[in-house]
């Protein structure tokens, strides 16, 4: 709300308030919540999503740096598990036979 009683510069941090930090905090939690099940299922999708969300949250200055770092570590672990299973299965990720 930009009125004469409450002038706010659009580029200032007061204009953004805590909205940007709240978004970054949500991304940090989402990266953790996507990375955790990605260890067991759909790691080809959930791993990269967790990595991207964690990096964006850290870049935006989240207050939940530990949660974002854990989401980043879980996302990387998802990709490592996928690569290991693929190599051990001779290039087959899922076998239905």
PDB file of N, CA and C in Angstrom:
ATOM      1  N   UNK A   1       0.852  -1.158   0.000  1.00  0.00           N
ATOM      2  CA  UNK A   1       0.000   0.000   0.000  1.00  0.00           C
ATOM      3  C   UNK A   1       0.900   1.223   0.000  1.00  0.00           C
ATOM      4  N   UNK A   2       0.820   2.017  -1.027  1.00  0.00           N
ATOM      5  CA  UNK A   2       1.663   3.195  -1.150  1.00  0.00           C
ATOM      6  C   UNK A   2       0.769   4.419  -1.151  1.00  0.00           C
ATOM      7  N   UNK A   3       0.564   4.977   0.026  1.00  0.00           N
ATOM      8  CA  UNK A   3      -0.258   6.177   0.155  1.00  0.00           C
ATOM      9  C   UNK A   3       0.598   7.296   0.689  1.00  0.00           C
ATOM     10  N   UNK A   4       0.028   8.491   0.757  1.00  0.00           N
ATOM     11  CA  UNK A   4       0.771   9.636   1.272  1.00  0.00           C
ATOM     12  C   UNK A   4       1.102   9.447   2.751  1.00  0.00           C
ATOM     13  N   UNK A   5       0.250   8.728   3.467  1.00  0.00           N
ATOM     14  CA  UNK A   5       0.490   8.497   4.894  1.00  0.00           C
ATOM     15  C   UNK A   5       1.581   7.455   5.113  1.00  0.00           C
ATOM     16  N   UNK A   6       1.741   6.559   4.145  1.00  0.00           N
ATOM     17  CA  UNK A   6       2.726   5.492   4.253  1.00  0.00           C
ATOM     18  C   UNK A   6       3.551   5.401   2.974  1.00  0.00           C
ATOM     19  N   UNK A   7       4.394   6.391   2.692  1.00  0.00           N
ATOM     20  CA  UNK A   7       5.191   6.296   1.467  1.00  0.00           C
ATOM     21  C   UNK A   7       6.269   5.214   1.600  1.00  0.00           C
ATOM     22  N   UNK A   8       6.391   4.421   0.551  1.00  0.00           N
ATOM     23  CA  UNK A   8       7.365   3.343   0.550  1.00  0.00           C
ATOM     24  C   UNK A   8       8.046   3.327  -0.806  1.00  0.00           C
ATOM     25  N   UNK A   9       9.362   3.317  -0.781  1.00  0.00           N
ATOM     26  CA  UNK A   9      10.126   3.199  -2.013  1.00  0.00           C
ATOM     27  C   UNK A   9      10.044   1.759  -2.493  1.00  0.00           C
ATOM     28  N   UNK A  10       9.721   1.554  -3.761  1.00  0.00           N
ATOM     29  CA  UNK A  10       9.517   0.202  -4.286  1.00  0.00           C
ATOM     30  C   UNK A  10      10.778  -0.646  -4.233  1.00  0.00           C
ATOM     31  N   UNK A  11      11.949  -0.033  -4.248  1.00  0.00           N
ATOM     32  CA  UNK A  11      13.188  -0.795  -4.240  1.00  0.00           C
ATOM     33  C   UNK A  11      13.760  -1.041  -2.854  1.00  0.00           C
ATOM     34  N   UNK A  12      13.139  -0.501  -1.838  1.00  0.00           N
ATOM     35  CA  UNK A  12      13.690  -0.644  -0.491  1.00  0.00           C
ATOM     36  C   UNK A  12      13.332  -1.995   0.109  1.00  0.00           C
ATOM     37  N   UNK A  13      14.059  -2.339   1.160  1.00  0.00           N
ATOM     38  CA  UNK A  13      13.765  -3.601   1.840  1.00  0.00           C
ATOM     39  C   UNK A  13      12.469  -3.514   2.623  1.00  0.00           C
ATOM     40  N   UNK A  14      12.052  -2.307   2.991  1.00  0.00           N
ATOM     41  CA  UNK A  14      10.780  -2.160   3.696  1.00  0.00           C
ATOM     42  C   UNK A  14       9.617  -2.506   2.777  1.00  0.00           C
ATOM     43  N   UNK A  15       9.769  -2.211   1.483  1.00  0.00           N
ATOM     44  CA  UNK A  15       8.709  -2.547   0.532  1.00  0.00           C
ATOM     45  C   UNK A  15       8.557  -4.061   0.416  1.00  0.00           C
ATOM     46  N   UNK A  16       9.669  -4.775   0.435  1.00  0.00           N
ATOM     47  CA  UNK A  16       9.613  -6.233   0.361  1.00  0.00           C
ATOM     48  C   UNK A  16       9.243  -6.834   1.704  1.00  0.00           C
ATOM     49  N   UNK A  17       9.630  -6.175   2.775  1.00  0.00           N
ATOM     50  CA  UNK A  17       9.331  -6.666   4.115  1.00  0.00           C
ATOM     51  C   UNK A  17       9.962  -8.020   4.360  1.00  0.00           C
ATOM     52  N   UNK A  18       9.212  -8.863   5.022  1.00  0.00           N
ATOM     53  CA  UNK A  18       9.705 -10.209   5.293  1.00  0.00           C
ATOM     54  C   UNK A  18       9.182 -11.202   4.271  1.00  0.00           C
ATOM     55  N   UNK A  19       8.497 -10.701   3.242  1.00  0.00           N
ATOM     56  CA  UNK A  19       7.915 -11.603   2.235  1.00  0.00           C
ATOM     57  C   UNK A  19       8.998 -12.408   1.517  1.00  0.00           C
ATOM     58  N   UNK A  20      10.093 -11.766   1.139  1.00  0.00           N
ATOM     59  CA  UNK A  20      11.185 -12.471   0.460  1.00  0.00           C
ATOM     60  C   UNK A  20      11.845 -13.493   1.356  1.00  0.00           C
ATOM     61  N   UNK A  21      12.009 -13.157   2.625  1.00  0.00           N
ATOM     62  CA  UNK A  21      12.612 -14.094   3.574  1.00  0.00           C
ATOM     63  C   UNK A  21      11.678 -15.263   3.836  1.00  0.00           C
ATOM     64  N   UNK A  22      10.386 -14.974   3.923  1.00  0.00           N
ATOM     65  CA  UNK A  22       9.427 -16.060   4.144  1.00  0.00           C
ATOM     66  C   UNK A  22       9.414 -17.012   2.957  1.00  0.00           C
ATOM     67  N   UNK A  23       9.511 -16.459   1.739  1.00  0.00           N
ATOM     68  CA  UNK A  23       9.580 -17.314   0.553  1.00  0.00           C
ATOM     69  C   UNK A  23      10.831 -18.184   0.593  1.00  0.00           C
ATOM     70  N   UNK A  24      11.951 -17.583   0.972  1.00  0.00           N
ATOM     71  CA  UNK A  24      13.207 -18.339   1.042  1.00  0.00           C
ATOM     72  C   UNK A  24      13.130 -19.410   2.123  1.00  0.00           C
ATOM     73  N   UNK A  25      12.497 -19.088   3.248  1.00  0.00           N
ATOM     74  CA  UNK A  25      12.330 -20.086   4.307  1.00  0.00           C
ATOM     75  C   UNK A  25      11.467 -21.246   3.823  1.00  0.00           C
ATOM     76  N   UNK A  26      10.416 -20.934   3.082  1.00  0.00           N
ATOM     77  CA  UNK A  26       9.559 -21.978   2.527  1.00  0.00           C
ATOM     78  C   UNK A  26      10.302 -22.852   1.530  1.00  0.00           C
ATOM     79  N   UNK A  27      11.173 -22.219   0.741  1.00  0.00           N
ATOM     80  CA  UNK A  27      11.965 -22.996  -0.216  1.00  0.00           C
ATOM     81  C   UNK A  27      12.944 -23.914   0.497  1.00  0.00           C
ATOM     82  N   UNK A  28      13.499 -23.454   1.611  1.00  0.00           N
ATOM     83  CA  UNK A  28      14.430 -24.287   2.377  1.00  0.00           C
ATOM     84  C   UNK A  28      13.714 -25.514   2.927  1.00  0.00           C
ATOM     85  N   UNK A  29      12.527 -25.312   3.462  1.00  0.00           N
ATOM     86  CA  UNK A  29      11.743 -26.439   3.991  1.00  0.00           C
ATOM     87  C   UNK A  29      11.323 -27.369   2.854  1.00  0.00           C
ATOM     88  N   UNK A  30      10.908 -26.790   1.729  1.00  0.00           N
ATOM     89  CA  UNK A  30      10.492 -27.611   0.589  1.00  0.00           C
ATOM     90  C   UNK A  30      11.648 -28.451   0.057  1.00  0.00           C
ATOM     91  N   UNK A  31      12.852 -27.882   0.042  1.00  0.00           N
ATOM     92  CA  UNK A  31      13.996 -28.662  -0.437  1.00  0.00           C
ATOM     93  C   UNK A  31      14.258 -29.858   0.463  1.00  0.00           C
ATOM     94  N   UNK A  32      14.111 -29.653   1.761  1.00  0.00           N
ATOM     95  CA  UNK A  32      14.281 -30.765   2.702  1.00  0.00           C
ATOM     96  C   UNK A  32      13.190 -31.819   2.489  1.00  0.00           C
ATOM     97  N   UNK A  33      11.946 -31.352   2.341  1.00  0.00           N
ATOM     98  CA  UNK A  33      10.824 -32.287   2.199  1.00  0.00           C
ATOM     99  C   UNK A  33      10.833 -33.011   0.859  1.00  0.00           C
ATOM    100  N   UNK A  34      11.455 -32.442  -0.159  1.00  0.00           N
ATOM    101  CA  UNK A  34      11.583 -33.142  -1.437  1.00  0.00           C
ATOM    102  C   UNK A  34      12.786 -34.076  -1.448  1.00  0.00           C
ATOM    103  N   UNK A  35      13.851 -33.678  -0.771  1.00  0.00           N
ATOM    104  CA  UNK A  35      15.060 -34.494  -0.760  1.00  0.00           C
ATOM    105  C   UNK A  35      14.915 -35.763   0.050  1.00  0.00           C
ATOM    106  N   UNK A  36      14.133 -35.711   1.111  1.00  0.00           N
ATOM    107  CA  UNK A  36      13.994 -36.865   1.992  1.00  0.00           C
ATOM    108  C   UNK A  36      13.319 -38.062   1.312  1.00  0.00           C
ATOM    109  N   UNK A  37      12.134 -37.919   0.723  1.00  0.00           N
ATOM    110  CA  UNK A  37      11.561 -39.093   0.048  1.00  0.00           C
ATOM    111  C   UNK A  37      12.305 -39.446  -1.240  1.00  0.00           C
ATOM    112  N   UNK A  38      13.062 -38.479  -1.766  1.00  0.00           N
ATOM    113  CA  UNK A  38      13.830 -38.748  -2.972  1.00  0.00           C
ATOM    114  C   UNK A  38      14.914 -39.789  -2.768  1.00  0.00           C
ATOM    115  N   UNK A  39      15.262 -40.078  -1.522  1.00  0.00           N
ATOM    116  CA  UNK A  39      16.227 -41.132  -1.249  1.00  0.00           C
ATOM    117  C   UNK A  39      15.674 -42.502  -1.626  1.00  0.00           C
ATOM    118  N   UNK A  40      14.342 -42.631  -1.615  1.00  0.00           N
ATOM    119  CA  UNK A  40      13.713 -43.927  -1.872  1.00  0.00           C
ATOM    120  C   UNK A  40      12.970 -43.990  -3.200  1.00  0.00           C
ATOM    121  N   UNK A  41      12.282 -42.912  -3.559  1.00  0.00           N
ATOM    122  CA  UNK A  41      11.444 -42.946  -4.756  1.00  0.00           C
ATOM    123  C   UNK A  41      11.675 -41.707  -5.608  1.00  0.00           C
ATOM    124  N   UNK A  42      11.521 -41.837  -6.888  1.00  0.00           N
ATOM    125  CA  UNK A  42      11.561 -40.738  -7.861  1.00  0.00           C
ATOM    126  C   UNK A  42      12.753 -39.805  -7.674  1.00  0.00           C
ATOM    127  N   UNK A  43      13.920 -40.374  -7.410  1.00  0.00           N
ATOM    128  CA  UNK A  43      15.087 -39.532  -7.153  1.00  0.00           C
ATOM    129  C   UNK A  43      15.542 -38.759  -8.373  1.00  0.00           C
ATOM    130  N   UNK A  44      15.163 -39.166  -9.564  1.00  0.00           N
ATOM    131  CA  UNK A  44      15.542 -38.431 -10.768  1.00  0.00           C
ATOM    132  C   UNK A  44      14.790 -37.096 -10.864  1.00  0.00           C
ATOM    133  N   UNK A  45      13.641 -36.987 -10.202  1.00  0.00           N
ATOM    134  CA  UNK A  45      12.857 -35.755 -10.195  1.00  0.00           C
ATOM    135  C   UNK A  45      13.080 -34.981  -8.898  1.00  0.00           C
ATOM    136  N   UNK A  46      12.986 -35.669  -7.775  1.00  0.00           N
ATOM    137  CA  UNK A  46      13.035 -34.998  -6.476  1.00  0.00           C
ATOM    138  C   UNK A  46      14.429 -34.501  -6.112  1.00  0.00           C
ATOM    139  N   UNK A  47      15.463 -35.204  -6.550  1.00  0.00           N
ATOM    140  CA  UNK A  47      16.835 -34.784  -6.250  1.00  0.00           C
ATOM    141  C   UNK A  47      17.183 -33.429  -6.830  1.00  0.00           C
ATOM    142  N   UNK A  48      17.048 -33.249  -8.149  1.00  0.00           N
ATOM    143  CA  UNK A  48      17.344 -31.930  -8.722  1.00  0.00           C
ATOM    144  C   UNK A  48      16.437 -30.822  -8.196  1.00  0.00           C
ATOM    145  N   UNK A  49      15.165 -31.143  -7.933  1.00  0.00           N
ATOM    146  CA  UNK A  49      14.257 -30.133  -7.385  1.00  0.00           C
ATOM    147  C   UNK A  49      14.729 -29.674  -6.009  1.00  0.00           C
ATOM    148  N   UNK A  50      15.177 -30.610  -5.183  1.00  0.00           N
ATOM    149  CA  UNK A  50      15.679 -30.267  -3.850  1.00  0.00           C
ATOM    150  C   UNK A  50      16.943 -29.423  -3.947  1.00  0.00           C
ATOM    151  N   UNK A  51      17.819 -29.756  -4.876  1.00  0.00           N
ATOM    152  CA  UNK A  51      19.069 -28.995  -5.046  1.00  0.00           C
ATOM    153  C   UNK A  51      18.765 -27.571  -5.482  1.00  0.00           C
ATOM    154  N   UNK A  52      17.899 -27.408  -6.463  1.00  0.00           N
ATOM    155  CA  UNK A  52      17.576 -26.070  -6.974  1.00  0.00           C
ATOM    156  C   UNK A  52      16.903 -25.230  -5.900  1.00  0.00           C
ATOM    157  N   UNK A  53      15.931 -25.790  -5.198  1.00  0.00           N
ATOM    158  CA  UNK A  53      15.241 -25.029  -4.151  1.00  0.00           C
ATOM    159  C   UNK A  53      16.193 -24.638  -3.029  1.00  0.00           C
ATOM    160  N   UNK A  54      17.089 -25.519  -2.656  1.00  0.00           N
ATOM    161  CA  UNK A  54      18.047 -25.203  -1.591  1.00  0.00           C
ATOM    162  C   UNK A  54      18.992 -24.087  -2.019  1.00  0.00           C
ATOM    163  N   UNK A  55      19.479 -24.145  -3.255  1.00  0.00           N
ATOM    164  CA  UNK A  55      20.388 -23.100  -3.729  1.00  0.00           C
ATOM    165  C   UNK A  55      19.697 -21.747  -3.845  1.00  0.00           C
ATOM    166  N   UNK A  56      18.455 -21.744  -4.300  1.00  0.00           N
ATOM    167  CA  UNK A  56      17.708 -20.486  -4.395  1.00  0.00           C
ATOM    168  C   UNK A  56      17.426 -19.927  -2.997  1.00  0.00           C
ATOM    169  N   UNK A  57      17.066 -20.795  -2.064  1.00  0.00           N
ATOM    170  CA  UNK A  57      16.813 -20.347  -0.688  1.00  0.00           C
ATOM    171  C   UNK A  57      18.070 -19.755  -0.064  1.00  0.00           C
ATOM    172  N   UNK A  58      19.208 -20.393  -0.277  1.00  0.00           N
ATOM    173  CA  UNK A  58      20.462 -19.869   0.261  1.00  0.00           C
ATOM    174  C   UNK A  58      20.838 -18.548  -0.406  1.00  0.00           C
ATOM    175  N   UNK A  59      20.575 -18.428  -1.701  1.00  0.00           N
ATOM    176  CA  UNK A  59      20.891 -17.190  -2.410  1.00  0.00           C
ATOM    177  C   UNK A  59      20.001 -16.038  -1.961  1.00  0.00           C
ATOM    178  N   UNK A  60      18.771 -16.344  -1.582  1.00  0.00           N
ATOM    179  CA  UNK A  60      17.851 -15.295  -1.125  1.00  0.00           C
ATOM    180  C   UNK A  60      18.011 -14.958   0.352  1.00  0.00           C
ATOM    181  N   UNK A  61      18.892 -15.647   1.038  1.00  0.00           N
ATOM    182  CA  UNK A  61      19.166 -15.320   2.433  1.00  0.00           C
ATOM    183  C   UNK A  61      18.146 -15.865   3.409  1.00  0.00           C
ATOM    184  N   UNK A  62      17.880 -17.144   3.333  1.00  0.00           N
ATOM    185  CA  UNK A  62      16.933 -17.756   4.255  1.00  0.00           C
ATOM    186  C   UNK A  62      17.457 -17.735   5.687  1.00  0.00           C
ATOM    187  N   UNK A  63      16.525 -17.689   6.608  1.00  0.00           N
ATOM    188  CA  UNK A  63      16.904 -17.804   8.020  1.00  0.00           C
ATOM    189  C   UNK A  63      17.070 -19.262   8.419  1.00  0.00           C
ATOM    190  N   UNK A  64      16.640 -20.172   7.581  1.00  0.00           N
ATOM    191  CA  UNK A  64      16.751 -21.609   7.843  1.00  0.00           C
ATOM    192  C   UNK A  64      17.883 -22.199   7.010  1.00  0.00           C
ATOM    193  N   UNK A  65      19.080 -21.703   7.253  1.00  0.00           N
ATOM    194  CA  UNK A  65      20.244 -22.130   6.483  1.00  0.00           C
ATOM    195  C   UNK A  65      20.541 -23.614   6.694  1.00  0.00           C
ATOM    196  N   UNK A  66      20.348 -24.100   7.894  1.00  0.00           N
ATOM    197  CA  UNK A  66      20.583 -25.514   8.181  1.00  0.00           C
ATOM    198  C   UNK A  66      19.629 -26.413   7.415  1.00  0.00           C
ATOM    199  N   UNK A  67      18.360 -26.000   7.346  1.00  0.00           N
ATOM    200  CA  UNK A  67      17.362 -26.786   6.619  1.00  0.00           C
ATOM    201  C   UNK A  67      17.673 -26.774   5.128  1.00  0.00           C
ATOM    202  N   UNK A  68      18.108 -25.610   4.615  1.00  0.00           N
ATOM    203  CA  UNK A  68      18.469 -25.528   3.197  1.00  0.00           C
ATOM    204  C   UNK A  68      19.710 -26.370   2.902  1.00  0.00           C
ATOM    205  N   UNK A  69      20.685 -26.332   3.797  1.00  0.00           N
ATOM    206  CA  UNK A  69      21.899 -27.139   3.604  1.00  0.00           C
ATOM    207  C   UNK A  69      21.570 -28.624   3.656  1.00  0.00           C
ATOM    208  N   UNK A  70      20.661 -29.006   4.541  1.00  0.00           N
ATOM    209  CA  UNK A  70      20.250 -30.404   4.619  1.00  0.00           C
ATOM    210  C   UNK A  70      19.488 -30.812   3.362  1.00  0.00           C
ATOM    211  N   UNK A  71      18.639 -29.932   2.847  1.00  0.00           N
ATOM    212  CA  UNK A  71      17.935 -30.206   1.601  1.00  0.00           C
ATOM    213  C   UNK A  71      18.900 -30.337   0.435  1.00  0.00           C
ATOM    214  N   UNK A  72      19.946 -29.506   0.427  1.00  0.00           N
ATOM    215  CA  UNK A  72      20.965 -29.591  -0.616  1.00  0.00           C
ATOM    216  C   UNK A  72      21.718 -30.921  -0.526  1.00  0.00           C
ATOM    217  N   UNK A  73      22.087 -31.302   0.685  1.00  0.00           N
ATOM    218  CA  UNK A  73      22.804 -32.565   0.878  1.00  0.00           C
ATOM    219  C   UNK A  73      21.931 -33.755   0.498  1.00  0.00           C
ATOM    220  N   UNK A  74      20.646 -33.718   0.844  1.00  0.00           N
ATOM    221  CA  UNK A  74      19.742 -34.820   0.492  1.00  0.00           C
ATOM    222  C   UNK A  74      19.532 -34.884  -1.017  1.00  0.00           C
ATOM    223  N   UNK A  75      19.430 -33.723  -1.668  1.00  0.00           N
ATOM    224  CA  UNK A  75      19.268 -33.709  -3.115  1.00  0.00           C
ATOM    225  C   UNK A  75      20.472 -34.290  -3.832  1.00  0.00           C
ATOM    226  N   UNK A  76      21.662 -33.948  -3.352  1.00  0.00           N
ATOM    227  CA  UNK A  76      22.881 -34.506  -3.935  1.00  0.00           C
ATOM    228  C   UNK A  76      22.941 -36.010  -3.660  1.00  0.00           C
ATOM    229  N   UNK A  77      22.553 -36.417  -2.453  1.00  0.00           N
ATOM    230  CA  UNK A  77      22.539 -37.848  -2.122  1.00  0.00           C
ATOM    231  C   UNK A  77      21.552 -38.600  -3.010  1.00  0.00           C
ATOM    232  N   UNK A  78      20.409 -37.974  -3.335  1.00  0.00           N
ATOM    233  CA  UNK A  78      19.452 -38.596  -4.251  1.00  0.00           C
ATOM    234  C   UNK A  78      20.106 -38.901  -5.591  1.00  0.00           C
ATOM    235  N   UNK A  79      20.847 -37.925  -6.107  1.00  0.00           N
ATOM    236  CA  UNK A  79      21.490 -38.100  -7.406  1.00  0.00           C
ATOM    237  C   UNK A  79      22.609 -39.142  -7.346  1.00  0.00           C
ATOM    238  N   UNK A  80      23.329 -39.184  -6.230  1.00  0.00           N
ATOM    239  CA  UNK A  80      24.387 -40.187  -6.073  1.00  0.00           C
ATOM    240  C   UNK A  80      23.783 -41.585  -6.001  1.00  0.00           C
ATOM    241  N   UNK A  81      22.691 -41.732  -5.264  1.00  0.00           N
ATOM    242  CA  UNK A  81      22.020 -43.034  -5.169  1.00  0.00           C
ATOM    243  C   UNK A  81      21.507 -43.461  -6.537  1.00  0.00           C
ATOM    244  N   UNK A  82      20.925 -42.515  -7.286  1.00  0.00           N
ATOM    245  CA  UNK A  82      20.431 -42.849  -8.620  1.00  0.00           C
ATOM    246  C   UNK A  82      21.570 -43.313  -9.526  1.00  0.00           C
ATOM    247  N   UNK A  83      22.693 -42.614  -9.479  1.00  0.00           N
ATOM    248  CA  UNK A  83      23.840 -42.993 -10.313  1.00  0.00           C
ATOM    249  C   UNK A  83      24.383 -44.353  -9.896  1.00  0.00           C
ATOM    250  N   UNK A  84      24.453 -44.600  -8.594  1.00  0.00           N
ATOM    251  CA  UNK A  84      24.962 -45.880  -8.097  1.00  0.00           C
ATOM    252  C   UNK A  84      24.056 -47.035  -8.502  1.00  0.00           C
ATOM    253  N   UNK A  85      22.758 -46.853  -8.359  1.00  0.00           N
ATOM    254  CA  UNK A  85      21.811 -47.909  -8.727  1.00  0.00           C
ATOM    255  C   UNK A  85      21.840 -48.145 -10.229  1.00  0.00           C
ATOM    256  N   UNK A  86      21.974 -47.086 -10.994  1.00  0.00           N
ATOM    257  CA  UNK A  86      22.031 -47.225 -12.449  1.00  0.00           C
ATOM    258  C   UNK A  86      23.285 -47.984 -12.879  1.00  0.00           C
ATOM    259  N   UNK A  87      24.412 -47.649 -12.284  1.00  0.00           N
ATOM    260  CA  UNK A  87      25.658 -48.335 -12.622  1.00  0.00           C
ATOM    261  C   UNK A  87      25.617 -49.789 -12.168  1.00  0.00           C
ATOM    262  N   UNK A  88      25.104 -50.029 -10.967  1.00  0.00           N
ATOM    263  CA  UNK A  88      25.035 -51.403 -10.451  1.00  0.00           C
ATOM    264  C   UNK A  88      24.050 -52.253 -11.241  1.00  0.00           C
ATOM    265  N   UNK A  89      23.024 -51.629 -11.792  1.00  0.00           N
ATOM    266  CA  UNK A  89      22.026 -52.368 -12.570  1.00  0.00           C
ATOM    267  C   UNK A  89      22.339 -52.386 -14.044  1.00  0.00           C
ATOM    268  N   UNK A  90      23.565 -52.020 -14.408  1.00  0.00           N
ATOM    269  CA  UNK A  90      24.014 -52.014 -15.801  1.00  0.00           C
ATOM    270  C   UNK A  90      23.161 -51.111 -16.688  1.00  0.00           C
ATOM    271  N   UNK A  91      22.839 -49.936 -16.144  1.00  0.00           N
ATOM    272  CA  UNK A  91      22.124 -48.934 -16.934  1.00  0.00           C
ATOM    273  C   UNK A  91      20.623 -49.005 -16.838  1.00  0.00           C
ATOM    274  N   UNK A  92      20.074 -49.933 -16.080  1.00  0.00           N
ATOM    275  CA  UNK A  92      18.636 -50.049 -15.941  1.00  0.00           C
ATOM    276  C   UNK A  92      18.236 -49.496 -14.587  1.00  0.00           C
ATOM    277  N   UNK A  93      17.411 -48.449 -14.605  1.00  0.00           N
ATOM    278  CA  UNK A  93      16.972 -47.854 -13.336  1.00  0.00           C
ATOM    279  C   UNK A  93      15.846 -48.688 -12.727  1.00  0.00           C
ATOM    280  N   UNK A  94      14.825 -48.991 -13.525  1.00  0.00           N
ATOM    281  CA  UNK A  94      13.719 -49.813 -13.053  1.00  0.00           C
ATOM    282  C   UNK A  94      13.560 -50.997 -13.984  1.00  0.00           C
ATOM    283  N   UNK A  95      13.350 -52.153 -13.403  1.00  0.00           N
ATOM    284  CA  UNK A  95      13.128 -53.351 -14.211  1.00  0.00           C
ATOM    285  C   UNK A  95      11.796 -53.948 -13.807  1.00  0.00           C
ATOM    286  N   UNK A  96      10.898 -54.096 -14.768  1.00  0.00           N
ATOM    287  CA  UNK A  96       9.573 -54.617 -14.486  1.00  0.00           C
ATOM    288  C   UNK A  96       9.430 -56.104 -14.823  1.00  0.00           C
ATOM    289  N   UNK A  97      10.510 -56.742 -15.181  1.00  0.00           N
ATOM    290  CA  UNK A  97      10.408 -58.159 -15.527  1.00  0.00           C
ATOM    291  C   UNK A  97      11.022 -59.038 -14.471  1.00  0.00           C
TER     292      UNK A  97
END
